[in-house]
Amino acid sequence: DKIGHVEFLISRKDDESINDPESELVAKKILFLLKNSNYSYRDISILVRKRKYFTDLEKVFLKYEIPFTIIGGRGFYQRQTIADVFNYLSFLADENNSAALVGLLRSPFFNVSDSKLFEVSLNKGRSIWRKLNLIKDDIEISQICELLNENISMSSSVSLPDLIQKIITDRNFLSVLSSRNDSDQEIANLNKLITIARNFNAVGFRNLFDFLTFMKDSISSLADESQASITSNADAVQMMTIHQSKGLEFPVVFLYKTDEAGISSAIKSGEIRVDKKYGLLTKVPINQNYFEEYQVAPIAMMYNYFEEKKNNAELKRLLYVAVTRAKDELYITSTIKKDATLKKDSFINHLALGLKNDFS
């Protein structure tokens, strides 16, 4: 039987301007494990309390070429791939949308360099599209203009899903995505977008402009829309929330961002809350002194006390779920800021109390 191993990876962050050191620690530890053990990427899982913590990991994993899969990751409409398709469709709907066209030209759809775009901008013309069409001695630009003109003419005659399918398969866009470490996820997201377009198109009297309005609203407001699920068995690190990991086990588990706290349910100044058991809850001024610090009324203090006990118990249950997902090795990671105390309702604070060690 393999002897289990538990290790803390503690990073010190003294400057807010420095990039996240904790994700760097995780990436380098994964590369170390792959080099010095028999593990593969699929044996490793990273667990977090909140999906927003995936962002820093994604950037670092792409930097170190570590393949990964996000299980149920949020932010579908905020993915750069979806933004690139949105720019493409926005330009097809309005040739004078120079911002969309520049974004499109710089994207993996065409990969036009910034220096070449600057040269284009020096031409005469009221829009980038007109300036682009004035260039006659550049084969690459001429091919781009020919393709864009073709798609402009088709945009009013083909269905939305067919239009999206065409623009992503016209050139080497899918090839570029396939070369990335998160290719399975991005291609699955594109397929999800086509399905969304198909369902949108199924409702009568809707056109490209309506779909762009729908996408614009979704990009600005639907941050919790989950990314497409992946059924591939690719060799990749699996990232998920602790709740999603229930019932699963992995040889190696990283419990990430353990210094972060949950949302407190305590009554705050200026907040009024109605509870079916305790009634009206709020902080109140003493002797009508509205310019001093408000005090917690006794009934609100009782509410806060029981809420804290309930949250504490839930935090411990969640921590138990997280650490028991590891079959062989568990890595608990945290960032501790200089001269800062550990957050009361964080995993690392509970571990510090239990181990009688403040990790300083």
Protein backbone atom coordinates (compact mmCIF):
# COMPACT_ATOMS: atom_id res chain seq x y z
CA ASP A 1 0.00 0.00 0.00
CA LYS A 2 1.15 3.53 -0.82
CA ILE A 3 1.89 5.74 2.18
CA GLY A 4 -0.31 8.83 2.09
CA HIS A 5 1.25 12.27 1.89
CA VAL A 6 -0.08 15.66 2.98
CA GLU A 7 1.78 18.86 2.19
CA PHE A 8 1.13 22.58 2.60
CA LEU A 9 2.14 24.97 -0.19
CA ILE A 10 2.17 28.41 1.39
CA SER A 11 3.03 31.48 -0.68
CA ARG A 12 3.77 34.91 0.69
CA LYS A 13 2.24 37.90 -1.08
CA ASP A 14 3.62 41.22 0.12
CA ASP A 15 2.69 43.31 -2.93
CA GLU A 16 -0.79 43.51 -4.47
CA SER A 17 0.71 44.25 -7.89
CA ILE A 18 2.50 40.91 -8.12
CA ASN A 19 0.77 38.16 -10.10
CA ASP A 20 -0.79 35.32 -8.14
CA PRO A 21 2.11 33.30 -6.65
CA GLU A 22 -0.14 30.48 -5.46
CA SER A 23 -1.12 29.36 -8.96
CA GLU A 24 2.59 29.34 -9.89
CA LEU A 25 3.31 27.07 -6.92
CA VAL A 26 0.55 24.67 -7.99
CA ALA A 27 1.73 24.54 -11.61
CA LYS A 28 5.36 23.89 -10.67
CA LYS A 29 4.35 21.21 -8.16
CA ILE A 30 2.28 19.44 -10.83
CA LEU A 31 5.22 19.48 -13.25
CA PHE A 32 7.46 18.14 -10.47
CA LEU A 33 5.02 15.29 -9.74
CA LEU A 34 4.77 14.36 -13.43
CA LYS A 35 8.54 14.27 -13.73
CA ASN A 36 9.30 12.37 -10.53
CA SER A 37 6.40 9.93 -10.20
CA ASN A 38 4.16 7.64 -12.22
CA TYR A 39 1.22 10.04 -12.17
CA SER A 40 -0.43 11.36 -15.31
CA TYR A 41 -2.34 14.64 -15.63
CA ARG A 42 -5.70 12.87 -15.30
CA ASP A 43 -4.68 11.60 -11.83
CA ILE A 44 -4.63 15.18 -10.53
CA SER A 45 -7.62 17.23 -9.42
CA ILE A 46 -7.78 20.82 -8.16
CA LEU A 47 -10.65 21.67 -5.83
CA VAL A 48 -11.89 25.18 -5.05
CA ARG A 49 -14.74 26.74 -3.09
CA LYS A 50 -15.64 29.22 -5.84
CA ARG A 51 -15.42 28.94 -9.62
CA LYS A 52 -13.88 32.43 -9.97
CA TYR A 53 -10.55 30.99 -8.78
CA PHE A 54 -10.19 29.02 -12.01
CA THR A 55 -9.10 32.17 -13.87
CA ASP A 56 -5.59 32.49 -12.39
CA LEU A 57 -4.99 28.75 -12.78
CA GLU A 58 -6.02 28.83 -16.45
CA LYS A 59 -3.49 31.57 -17.25
CA VAL A 60 -0.63 29.77 -15.49
CA PHE A 61 -1.51 26.34 -16.92
CA LEU A 62 -1.50 27.77 -20.44
CA LYS A 63 1.88 29.37 -19.68
CA TYR A 64 3.39 26.05 -18.55
CA GLU A 65 1.50 24.00 -21.18
CA ILE A 66 -0.37 21.94 -18.60
CA PRO A 67 -3.53 20.41 -20.12
CA PHE A 68 -6.65 20.97 -18.03
CA THR A 69 -10.39 20.52 -17.98
CA ILE A 70 -12.83 22.67 -16.01
CA ILE A 71 -15.77 20.62 -14.81
CA GLY A 72 -18.83 22.85 -14.99
CA GLY A 73 -16.72 26.00 -15.19
CA ARG A 74 -18.71 29.21 -15.37
CA GLY A 75 -18.23 32.18 -17.68
CA PHE A 76 -19.27 30.62 -20.99
CA TYR A 77 -20.19 33.96 -22.57
CA GLN A 78 -17.00 35.59 -21.22
CA ARG A 79 -14.64 33.13 -22.96
CA GLN A 80 -12.31 34.77 -25.48
CA THR A 81 -13.39 32.27 -28.14
CA ILE A 82 -17.02 33.34 -27.77
CA ALA A 83 -15.93 37.00 -27.85
CA ASP A 84 -14.07 36.35 -31.13
CA VAL A 85 -17.19 34.85 -32.71
CA PHE A 86 -19.24 37.78 -31.38
CA ASN A 87 -16.82 40.24 -33.02
CA TYR A 88 -17.05 38.33 -36.29
CA LEU A 89 -20.86 38.38 -36.30
CA SER A 90 -20.91 42.04 -35.21
CA PHE A 91 -18.78 42.99 -38.19
CA LEU A 92 -20.88 40.97 -40.62
CA ALA A 93 -23.96 42.81 -39.33
CA ASP A 94 -22.28 46.23 -39.63
CA GLU A 95 -19.26 46.78 -41.88
CA ASN A 96 -18.57 50.13 -40.20
CA ASN A 97 -18.01 48.51 -36.79
CA SER A 98 -14.26 49.09 -36.78
CA ALA A 99 -13.78 47.95 -33.17
CA ALA A 100 -15.29 44.55 -33.97
CA LEU A 101 -13.24 44.26 -37.17
CA VAL A 102 -9.93 45.05 -35.43
CA GLY A 103 -10.73 42.50 -32.72
CA LEU A 104 -11.59 39.96 -35.42
CA LEU A 105 -8.40 40.58 -37.42
CA ARG A 106 -6.22 40.18 -34.31
CA SER A 107 -8.02 36.98 -33.24
CA PRO A 108 -7.07 33.40 -34.23
CA PHE A 109 -9.51 33.76 -37.13
CA PHE A 110 -6.92 35.81 -39.08
CA ASN A 111 -3.93 36.49 -36.80
CA VAL A 112 -3.09 39.84 -38.40
CA SER A 113 -0.16 41.47 -36.57
CA ASP A 114 -0.51 44.80 -34.77
CA SER A 115 2.17 46.33 -37.00
CA LYS A 116 0.19 45.42 -40.12
CA LEU A 117 -3.01 46.78 -38.58
CA PHE A 118 -1.19 50.03 -37.89
CA GLU A 119 -0.19 50.23 -41.56
CA VAL A 120 -3.82 49.64 -42.54
CA SER A 121 -4.98 52.44 -40.22
CA LEU A 122 -2.75 54.94 -42.08
CA ASN A 123 -4.79 54.57 -45.27
CA LYS A 124 -7.57 56.98 -46.14
CA GLY A 125 -11.12 55.96 -45.37
CA ARG A 126 -13.79 56.44 -42.72
CA SER A 127 -13.65 52.87 -41.42
CA ILE A 128 -11.07 50.09 -41.06
CA TRP A 129 -13.04 48.02 -43.55
CA ARG A 130 -12.70 50.70 -46.26
CA LYS A 131 -9.01 51.14 -45.46
CA LEU A 132 -8.52 47.37 -45.66
CA ASN A 133 -10.04 47.20 -49.14
CA LEU A 134 -7.65 49.89 -50.42
CA ILE A 135 -4.67 47.53 -49.95
CA LYS A 136 -4.01 45.75 -53.24
CA ASP A 137 -0.40 44.55 -52.98
CA ASP A 138 -0.78 42.30 -49.93
CA ILE A 139 -1.90 38.74 -50.73
CA GLU A 140 -2.92 37.94 -47.15
CA ILE A 141 -5.07 41.08 -46.81
CA SER A 142 -6.64 40.47 -50.23
CA GLN A 143 -7.63 36.92 -49.22
CA ILE A 144 -9.11 38.19 -45.96
CA CYS A 145 -11.16 40.85 -47.78
CA GLU A 146 -12.41 38.27 -50.30
CA LEU A 147 -13.53 35.92 -47.53
CA LEU A 148 -15.15 38.67 -45.47
CA ASN A 149 -17.04 39.97 -48.51
CA GLU A 150 -18.31 36.46 -49.16
CA ASN A 151 -19.52 36.07 -45.58
CA ILE A 152 -21.12 39.53 -45.55
CA SER A 153 -23.23 38.57 -48.55
CA MET A 154 -24.13 35.21 -46.99
CA SER A 155 -25.01 36.60 -43.55
CA SER A 156 -28.45 37.72 -44.67
CA SER A 157 -29.35 34.51 -46.48
CA VAL A 158 -28.14 31.58 -44.33
CA SER A 159 -29.34 30.51 -40.89
CA LEU A 160 -27.46 31.57 -37.75
CA PRO A 161 -26.09 28.09 -36.88
CA ASP A 162 -24.95 27.57 -40.48
CA LEU A 163 -23.27 31.00 -40.52
CA ILE A 164 -21.38 30.29 -37.30
CA GLN A 165 -20.42 26.83 -38.56
CA LYS A 166 -19.06 28.39 -41.76
CA ILE A 167 -16.98 31.15 -40.15
CA ILE A 168 -15.28 28.75 -37.70
CA THR A 169 -14.37 26.28 -40.46
CA ASP A 170 -13.42 28.75 -43.24
CA ARG A 171 -9.75 29.06 -42.32
CA ASN A 172 -7.46 27.60 -39.65
CA PHE A 173 -9.44 28.79 -36.61
CA LEU A 174 -10.20 25.26 -35.38
CA SER A 175 -6.60 24.19 -36.04
CA VAL A 176 -5.33 27.01 -33.84
CA LEU A 177 -7.74 26.01 -31.07
CA SER A 178 -6.78 22.35 -31.39
CA SER A 179 -3.15 23.20 -30.65
CA ARG A 180 -4.06 24.69 -27.26
CA ASN A 181 -4.00 22.79 -23.98
CA ASP A 182 -7.68 23.59 -23.38
CA SER A 183 -8.74 22.68 -26.93
CA ASP A 184 -11.41 20.16 -25.90
CA GLN A 185 -13.12 22.78 -23.74
CA GLU A 186 -13.01 25.53 -26.37
CA ILE A 187 -14.30 23.32 -29.19
CA ALA A 188 -17.09 22.07 -26.90
CA ASN A 189 -17.96 25.72 -26.16
CA LEU A 190 -18.21 26.47 -29.88
CA ASN A 191 -20.55 23.52 -30.34
CA LYS A 192 -22.64 24.82 -27.45
CA LEU A 193 -22.81 28.25 -29.13
CA ILE A 194 -24.06 26.65 -32.34
CA THR A 195 -26.74 24.81 -30.35
CA ILE A 196 -27.75 28.08 -28.66
CA ALA A 197 -27.97 29.74 -32.10
CA ARG A 198 -30.08 26.85 -33.40
CA ASN A 199 -32.52 27.17 -30.49
CA PHE A 200 -32.59 30.95 -30.90
CA ASN A 201 -33.25 30.57 -34.61
CA ALA A 202 -36.12 28.15 -33.97
CA VAL A 203 -38.21 31.05 -32.65
CA GLY A 204 -39.66 32.88 -35.63
CA PHE A 205 -38.98 36.47 -36.77
CA ARG A 206 -35.42 36.66 -35.37
CA ASN A 207 -32.36 37.73 -37.32
CA LEU A 208 -28.61 38.29 -36.84
CA PHE A 209 -29.15 41.66 -35.13
CA ASP A 210 -31.48 40.05 -32.57
CA PHE A 211 -28.91 37.33 -31.86
CA LEU A 212 -26.16 39.92 -31.38
CA THR A 213 -28.35 41.81 -28.90
CA PHE A 214 -28.95 38.53 -27.07
CA MET A 215 -25.21 37.75 -27.00
CA LYS A 216 -24.29 41.27 -25.85
CA ASP A 217 -26.75 41.06 -22.95
CA SER A 218 -25.49 37.58 -22.06
CA ILE A 219 -21.83 38.67 -22.09
CA SER A 220 -22.58 41.54 -19.70
CA SER A 221 -24.98 39.77 -17.34
CA LEU A 222 -24.70 35.95 -17.53
CA ALA A 223 -21.36 35.37 -15.80
CA ASP A 224 -22.63 32.16 -14.20
CA GLU A 225 -23.52 30.42 -17.48
CA SER A 226 -21.60 27.15 -17.36
CA GLN A 227 -19.19 26.15 -20.07
CA ALA A 228 -19.93 23.14 -22.23
CA SER A 229 -19.46 19.78 -20.54
CA ILE A 230 -16.66 17.60 -21.89
CA THR A 231 -16.99 13.86 -22.33
CA SER A 232 -13.46 13.26 -23.58
CA ASN A 233 -11.03 11.08 -21.60
CA ALA A 234 -8.10 13.33 -22.41
CA ASP A 235 -5.05 13.30 -20.14
CA ALA A 236 -5.72 16.59 -18.36
CA VAL A 237 -5.80 18.05 -14.86
CA GLN A 238 -9.41 18.24 -13.65
CA MET A 239 -10.56 21.43 -11.97
CA MET A 240 -13.86 21.56 -10.10
CA THR A 241 -15.63 22.95 -7.07
CA ILE A 242 -15.62 20.94 -3.85
CA HIS A 243 -19.37 20.38 -4.17
CA GLN A 244 -18.87 18.86 -7.63
CA SER A 245 -16.22 16.48 -6.27
CA LYS A 246 -18.58 14.69 -3.88
CA GLY A 247 -18.39 10.93 -4.45
CA LEU A 248 -15.20 11.20 -6.55
CA GLU A 249 -11.61 10.27 -5.66
CA PHE A 250 -8.27 11.17 -7.23
CA PRO A 251 -4.71 9.98 -6.56
CA VAL A 252 -3.56 13.60 -6.15
CA VAL A 253 -5.69 16.49 -4.92
CA PHE A 254 -4.80 20.17 -4.63
CA LEU A 255 -7.08 22.14 -2.31
CA TYR A 256 -6.61 25.62 -3.74
CA LYS A 257 -7.14 29.11 -2.25
CA THR A 258 -7.76 27.89 1.29
CA ASP A 259 -7.17 31.41 2.66
CA GLU A 260 -10.32 32.72 1.00
CA ALA A 261 -13.48 33.10 3.07
CA GLY A 262 -17.12 32.64 2.21
CA ILE A 263 -19.77 35.35 2.22
CA SER A 264 -20.63 36.34 5.79
CA SER A 265 -24.29 36.19 6.76
CA ALA A 266 -23.85 38.48 9.78
CA ILE A 267 -25.98 41.62 10.00
CA LYS A 268 -24.05 44.67 8.74
CA SER A 269 -24.50 48.41 9.33
CA GLY A 270 -27.28 49.86 7.23
CA GLU A 271 -28.63 46.41 6.41
CA ILE A 272 -32.16 45.37 7.29
CA ARG A 273 -33.04 41.70 7.19
CA VAL A 274 -36.28 39.90 7.90
CA ASP A 275 -35.98 36.40 9.36
CA LYS A 276 -39.02 34.15 9.85
CA LYS A 277 -37.70 33.04 13.25
CA TYR A 278 -36.12 36.24 14.63
CA GLY A 279 -38.20 38.90 12.89
CA LEU A 280 -36.73 42.29 11.85
CA LEU A 281 -32.94 42.39 12.19
CA THR A 282 -30.65 45.40 11.83
CA LYS A 283 -27.92 47.41 13.55
CA VAL A 284 -29.26 50.48 15.36
CA PRO A 285 -27.88 53.84 16.58
CA ILE A 286 -27.56 54.31 20.35
CA ASN A 287 -29.54 57.28 21.76
CA GLN A 288 -30.35 58.34 18.20
CA ASN A 289 -26.70 59.19 17.55
CA TYR A 290 -26.66 58.55 13.82
CA PHE A 291 -23.04 59.65 13.35
CA GLU A 292 -21.46 57.10 15.68
CA GLU A 293 -20.99 53.40 15.01
CA TYR A 294 -24.28 51.48 15.04
CA GLN A 295 -24.67 48.67 17.58
CA VAL A 296 -26.06 45.20 17.10
CA ALA A 297 -29.40 44.74 18.83
CA PRO A 298 -29.56 41.74 21.22
CA ILE A 299 -31.89 39.80 18.92
CA ALA A 300 -29.52 40.41 15.96
CA MET A 301 -26.58 39.30 18.11
CA MET A 302 -28.38 36.03 18.77
CA TYR A 303 -29.05 35.61 15.04
CA ASN A 304 -25.36 36.28 14.22
CA TYR A 305 -24.24 33.79 16.89
CA PHE A 306 -26.32 30.93 15.52
CA GLU A 307 -25.48 31.80 11.90
CA GLU A 308 -21.77 31.73 12.75
CA LYS A 309 -22.12 28.30 14.39
CA LYS A 310 -24.08 27.01 11.39
CA ASN A 311 -21.55 28.39 8.89
CA ASN A 312 -18.70 26.94 10.97
CA ALA A 313 -20.24 23.48 10.88
CA GLU A 314 -20.85 23.71 7.13
CA LEU A 315 -17.25 24.88 6.56
CA LYS A 316 -15.91 21.87 8.47
CA ARG A 317 -18.14 19.49 6.48
CA LEU A 318 -16.91 21.05 3.23
CA LEU A 319 -13.29 20.79 4.35
CA TYR A 320 -13.86 17.12 5.23
CA VAL A 321 -15.29 16.44 1.77
CA ALA A 322 -12.30 18.17 0.13
CA VAL A 323 -9.50 16.40 1.99
CA THR A 324 -11.10 12.96 1.65
CA ARG A 325 -11.12 13.17 -2.15
CA ALA A 326 -7.36 12.42 -2.15
CA LYS A 327 -6.38 8.75 -2.35
CA ASP A 328 -2.58 9.17 -2.17
CA GLU A 329 -1.43 12.78 -1.96
CA LEU A 330 -3.06 15.97 -0.72
CA TYR A 331 -1.63 19.46 -1.28
CA ILE A 332 -3.23 22.32 0.64
CA THR A 333 -2.35 25.68 -0.91
CA SER A 334 -2.74 29.17 0.46
CA THR A 335 -1.50 32.73 0.09
CA ILE A 336 -0.70 34.60 3.29
CA LYS A 337 -0.30 38.35 3.06
CA LYS A 338 2.26 40.20 5.12
CA ASP A 339 1.01 41.36 8.53
CA ALA A 340 -2.50 40.08 7.77
CA THR A 341 -4.48 37.76 10.03
CA LEU A 342 -6.09 34.63 8.64
CA LYS A 343 -9.74 35.07 7.71
CA LYS A 344 -11.95 33.57 10.38
CA ASP A 345 -14.12 31.43 8.09
CA SER A 346 -11.34 30.15 5.83
CA PHE A 347 -10.05 26.59 5.58
CA ILE A 348 -6.50 27.64 6.43
CA ASN A 349 -7.65 29.33 9.64
CA HIS A 350 -9.38 26.14 10.81
CA LEU A 351 -6.27 24.13 9.96
CA ALA A 352 -4.05 26.66 11.74
CA LEU A 353 -6.15 26.38 14.89
CA GLY A 354 -6.15 22.58 14.75
CA LEU A 355 -2.40 22.33 14.13
CA LYS A 356 -1.55 25.21 16.46
CA ASN A 357 0.49 26.79 13.69
CA ASP A 358 -0.16 30.16 12.05
CA PHE A 359 1.99 29.24 8.98
CA SER A 360 4.07 32.39 9.37
